[in-house]
Amino acid sequence: MDWLRANWLRIVAHIGALAPLGVIVLDNYRYNLTANPIQEIIVRTGKVALVLLVLSLACTPLNTIFGFRQALQVRRALGLYGFMYAGLHLAAFAVLDYGLDLQLIGQTIIEKYYVIAGFIAFIILVPLAVTSTRGWMARLGKRWRALHKLVYLAVPVAVLHFALLVKSLGSRPEPLLFGAVVIVLLALRIPAMRRAISNLRFKVRGAAQRSSYAPSHADKGL
C-alpha cells in the first residue's frame, strides 16, 4: 500500500502514455481509423507526442509553484514517451505515407516548411532521448544539464510544426493554445520568476500555518 501511495503518479503516467497507442491499435483492428487511416495515425501520434512533451515541461513548474515533487518522478518518462510517439509519427510519415522513398521524402522536407520544422524538432530530441539514462548523466556531468536544455527549443519547434501544418488557425486554434501553454511554462523557468513564485508560495504557506494556529474567539473566551 505504501509503494502504491508513493508511485501512483508513475503508474498513471505509464498507463496514460500507453493508452493512446492501444486505442490506435484497437481502432486499426476494428477498421475505425477514418477513410484515411495513414493520415489519422500520423495526426494522432503527432498530437500525443506534443501533449506528452508539454506535460514533461510542466513537471518542474508544478514542483516550483505547488510543491508537487512527485511530478519530477515522471518528467523523464513523459519525455521519453513523447519521443516514442514522435518516432512513430515520423515512421508513419516516412514508411506508411511515403513508402520509405528517400528521394521523395527529401524533396518533401525541402519544399514544405511544416515538415522541416517537424524534422528539426525530432533531430533535437534524438540526443536527449539517447542520453536520458543515469549512465549518460554521470558521463556528461555538467554538460548533461546543458544538453537537455535543448528541450526548451525542441518543444516550441514542435508547436511551430503543428501551427504550419494547420492551414487556418482561426478554425483550428489548437496550435495557438499549445503555444500559449509552452510560453507560460518556459517563462516560469526564468530564474527571477521562479524565485518570486517560490517566495510567494512560502509566504502563503506561512500565512496559512499562522492562521491555523491562531486562537479562535472561543479560545479567547469571547
Protein backbone atom coordinates (compact mmCIF):
# COMPACT_ATOMS: atom_id res chain seq x y z
CA MET A 1 0.00 0.00 0.00
CA ASP A 2 2.85 2.37 0.83
CA TRP A 3 4.51 1.55 -2.51
CA LEU A 4 1.27 2.34 -4.33
CA ARG A 5 0.90 5.63 -2.46
CA ALA A 6 4.48 6.60 -3.34
CA ASN A 7 4.30 5.56 -7.00
CA TRP A 8 0.70 6.24 -8.01
CA LEU A 9 1.67 9.09 -10.35
CA ARG A 10 4.21 6.93 -12.16
CA ILE A 11 1.56 4.28 -12.72
CA VAL A 12 -0.88 6.87 -14.03
CA ALA A 13 1.80 8.36 -16.30
CA HIS A 14 2.71 4.99 -17.85
CA ILE A 15 -0.89 3.95 -18.36
CA GLY A 16 -1.91 7.36 -19.68
CA ALA A 17 1.03 7.48 -22.09
CA LEU A 18 0.48 3.98 -23.48
CA ALA A 19 -3.32 4.21 -23.69
CA PRO A 20 -3.40 6.28 -26.94
CA LEU A 21 -1.20 3.71 -28.66
CA GLY A 22 -3.53 0.95 -27.53
CA VAL A 23 -6.51 2.91 -28.86
CA ILE A 24 -4.79 3.35 -32.23
CA VAL A 25 -4.03 -0.37 -32.47
CA LEU A 26 -7.61 -1.25 -31.47
CA ASP A 27 -9.14 1.24 -33.90
CA ASN A 28 -6.93 -0.14 -36.68
CA TYR A 29 -8.06 -3.68 -35.85
CA ARG A 30 -11.69 -2.52 -35.96
CA TYR A 31 -11.15 -0.52 -39.18
CA ASN A 32 -12.11 2.60 -37.27
CA LEU A 33 -9.32 4.96 -38.40
CA THR A 34 -11.48 7.07 -40.77
CA ALA A 35 -11.34 6.87 -44.56
CA ASN A 36 -7.62 7.76 -44.49
CA PRO A 37 -6.10 5.55 -41.78
CA ILE A 38 -2.48 6.50 -42.51
CA GLN A 39 -3.22 10.20 -42.15
CA GLU A 40 -5.18 9.50 -38.97
CA ILE A 41 -2.25 7.61 -37.47
CA ILE A 42 0.11 10.45 -38.36
CA VAL A 43 -2.20 13.04 -36.78
CA ARG A 44 -2.86 11.05 -33.61
CA THR A 45 0.75 10.13 -32.90
CA GLY A 46 1.84 13.73 -33.53
CA LYS A 47 -0.70 15.18 -31.12
CA VAL A 48 0.07 12.67 -28.40
CA ALA A 49 3.80 13.35 -28.80
CA LEU A 50 3.22 17.08 -28.39
CA VAL A 51 0.94 16.64 -25.37
CA LEU A 52 3.46 14.41 -23.59
CA LEU A 53 6.37 16.74 -24.33
CA VAL A 54 4.41 19.70 -22.98
CA LEU A 55 3.48 17.70 -19.87
CA SER A 56 7.15 16.87 -19.32
CA LEU A 57 7.89 20.61 -19.43
CA ALA A 58 5.16 21.21 -16.87
CA CYS A 59 6.69 18.93 -14.23
CA THR A 60 9.28 21.39 -12.90
CA PRO A 61 6.83 24.34 -12.67
CA LEU A 62 4.37 22.08 -10.83
CA ASN A 63 7.05 21.45 -8.25
CA THR A 64 8.15 25.10 -8.15
CA ILE A 65 4.68 26.62 -7.84
CA PHE A 66 2.70 23.99 -5.95
CA GLY A 67 5.47 22.00 -4.28
CA PHE A 68 4.24 18.90 -6.15
CA ARG A 69 7.53 16.99 -6.01
CA GLN A 70 6.02 13.79 -7.35
CA ALA A 71 5.76 15.47 -10.75
CA LEU A 72 9.55 15.30 -11.02
CA GLN A 73 9.34 11.49 -10.81
CA VAL A 74 7.52 11.26 -14.16
CA ARG A 75 9.32 14.03 -16.06
CA ARG A 76 11.78 11.71 -17.80
CA ALA A 77 9.15 9.07 -18.56
CA LEU A 78 6.83 11.63 -20.13
CA GLY A 79 9.68 13.00 -22.23
CA LEU A 80 10.69 9.53 -23.44
CA TYR A 81 7.11 8.60 -24.25
CA GLY A 82 6.82 11.88 -26.14
CA PHE A 83 9.92 10.94 -28.13
CA MET A 84 8.48 7.47 -28.78
CA TYR A 85 5.30 8.94 -30.25
CA ALA A 86 7.35 11.46 -32.24
CA GLY A 87 9.28 8.49 -33.67
CA LEU A 88 6.03 6.71 -34.53
CA HIS A 89 4.77 9.95 -36.08
CA LEU A 90 7.88 10.18 -38.27
CA ALA A 91 7.78 6.46 -39.10
CA ALA A 92 4.14 6.68 -40.17
CA PHE A 93 5.01 9.64 -42.39
CA ALA A 94 8.14 8.09 -43.93
CA VAL A 95 7.13 4.42 -44.18
CA LEU A 96 3.34 4.28 -44.38
CA ASP A 97 2.70 7.50 -46.27
CA TYR A 98 5.83 7.80 -48.45
CA GLY A 99 6.81 4.13 -48.69
CA LEU A 100 10.33 4.97 -47.49
CA ASP A 101 11.07 6.67 -50.80
CA LEU A 102 14.10 8.68 -49.65
CA GLN A 103 14.15 10.88 -52.74
CA LEU A 104 10.51 11.83 -52.34
CA ILE A 105 10.92 12.31 -48.58
CA GLY A 106 13.94 14.55 -49.10
CA GLN A 107 12.06 16.61 -51.68
CA THR A 108 9.11 17.00 -49.31
CA ILE A 109 11.39 18.06 -46.45
CA ILE A 110 12.87 20.78 -48.66
CA GLU A 111 9.57 22.02 -50.07
CA LYS A 112 7.24 22.00 -47.05
CA TYR A 113 8.01 24.20 -44.06
CA TYR A 114 5.96 22.17 -41.60
CA VAL A 115 7.96 19.04 -42.48
CA ILE A 116 11.21 20.96 -41.99
CA ALA A 117 10.09 22.15 -38.54
CA GLY A 118 8.95 18.68 -37.51
CA PHE A 119 12.17 17.07 -38.72
CA ILE A 120 14.29 19.64 -36.84
CA ALA A 121 12.30 19.08 -33.64
CA PHE A 122 12.81 15.31 -33.90
CA ILE A 123 16.55 15.64 -34.60
CA ILE A 124 16.90 17.83 -31.48
CA LEU A 125 15.05 15.24 -29.39
CA VAL A 126 17.24 12.32 -30.50
CA PRO A 127 20.34 13.12 -28.38
CA LEU A 128 18.10 13.97 -25.43
CA ALA A 129 16.43 10.57 -25.57
CA VAL A 130 19.73 8.72 -26.08
CA THR A 131 21.38 10.44 -23.09
CA SER A 132 18.38 10.22 -20.76
CA THR A 133 19.85 7.39 -18.66
CA ARG A 134 21.72 7.82 -15.38
CA GLY A 135 24.82 6.39 -17.02
CA TRP A 136 24.92 9.19 -19.57
CA MET A 137 24.15 11.70 -16.85
CA ALA A 138 27.27 10.54 -14.99
CA ARG A 139 29.42 10.53 -18.15
CA LEU A 140 28.44 14.01 -19.28
CA GLY A 141 28.42 15.64 -15.84
CA LYS A 142 27.57 19.33 -16.06
CA ARG A 143 27.27 19.07 -19.85
CA TRP A 144 24.25 16.78 -19.42
CA ARG A 145 22.12 19.57 -17.98
CA ALA A 146 23.26 21.97 -20.71
CA LEU A 147 22.45 19.41 -23.41
CA HIS A 148 18.99 18.71 -22.04
CA LYS A 149 18.10 22.38 -22.09
CA LEU A 150 17.64 21.83 -25.83
CA VAL A 151 14.18 20.57 -24.95
CA TYR A 152 13.26 24.24 -24.48
CA LEU A 153 13.96 24.62 -28.20
CA ALA A 154 12.57 21.29 -29.39
CA VAL A 155 9.08 21.74 -27.95
CA PRO A 156 8.47 25.25 -29.40
CA VAL A 157 9.72 23.99 -32.79
CA ALA A 158 7.28 21.06 -32.49
CA VAL A 159 4.47 23.55 -31.81
CA LEU A 160 5.61 25.53 -34.87
CA HIS A 161 5.42 22.30 -36.89
CA PHE A 162 1.81 21.87 -35.77
CA ALA A 163 0.97 25.52 -36.49
CA LEU A 164 2.43 25.37 -40.00
CA LEU A 165 0.53 22.17 -40.67
CA VAL A 166 -2.81 23.76 -39.77
CA LYS A 167 -4.00 25.86 -42.69
CA SER A 168 -6.36 28.07 -40.71
CA LEU A 169 -5.54 28.85 -37.09
CA GLY A 170 -8.86 30.66 -36.79
CA SER A 171 -10.85 27.48 -37.35
CA ARG A 172 -8.32 25.25 -35.52
CA PRO A 173 -6.80 27.19 -32.61
CA GLU A 174 -5.10 24.14 -31.05
CA PRO A 175 -1.55 25.21 -32.07
CA LEU A 176 -2.17 28.63 -30.53
CA LEU A 177 -3.28 27.00 -27.27
CA PHE A 178 -0.22 24.76 -27.24
CA GLY A 179 1.96 27.76 -27.98
CA ALA A 180 0.45 29.79 -25.14
CA VAL A 181 0.95 26.94 -22.66
CA VAL A 182 4.57 26.45 -23.76
CA ILE A 183 5.31 30.18 -23.46
CA VAL A 184 3.94 30.19 -19.89
CA LEU A 185 5.91 27.06 -18.95
CA LEU A 186 9.13 28.49 -20.34
CA ALA A 187 8.52 31.84 -18.63
CA LEU A 188 8.11 30.02 -15.31
CA ARG A 189 11.65 28.67 -15.74
CA ILE A 190 13.21 32.13 -15.76
CA PRO A 191 15.25 32.28 -12.50
CA ALA A 192 13.73 35.58 -11.33
CA MET A 193 10.23 34.26 -11.99
CA ARG A 194 10.95 31.00 -10.19
CA ARG A 195 12.34 32.82 -7.15
CA ALA A 196 9.35 35.15 -7.00
CA ILE A 197 6.86 32.28 -7.23
CA SER A 198 8.79 30.19 -4.71
CA ASN A 199 8.89 33.09 -2.23
CA LEU A 200 5.18 33.70 -2.73
CA ARG A 201 4.42 30.03 -2.13
CA PHE A 202 6.37 30.02 1.13
CA LYS A 203 4.66 33.23 2.27
CA VAL A 204 1.22 31.77 1.52
CA ARG A 205 2.11 28.56 3.32
CA GLY A 206 3.43 30.51 6.31
CA ALA A 207 0.30 32.65 6.45
CA ALA A 208 -1.89 29.54 6.29
CA GLN A 209 0.04 27.91 9.12
CA ARG A 210 -0.17 31.03 11.29
CA SER A 211 -3.89 31.21 10.61
CA SER A 212 -4.38 27.58 11.60
CA TYR A 213 -2.57 28.14 14.89
CA ALA A 214 -4.26 31.47 15.66
CA PRO A 215 -6.61 31.25 18.73
CA SER A 216 -10.28 31.32 17.91
CA HIS A 217 -12.86 33.60 19.56
CA ALA A 218 -13.95 30.68 21.73
CA ASP A 219 -10.37 30.17 22.94
CA LYS A 220 -10.19 33.85 23.89
CA GLY A 221 -13.37 33.48 25.92
CA LEU A 222 -15.33 35.90 23.73
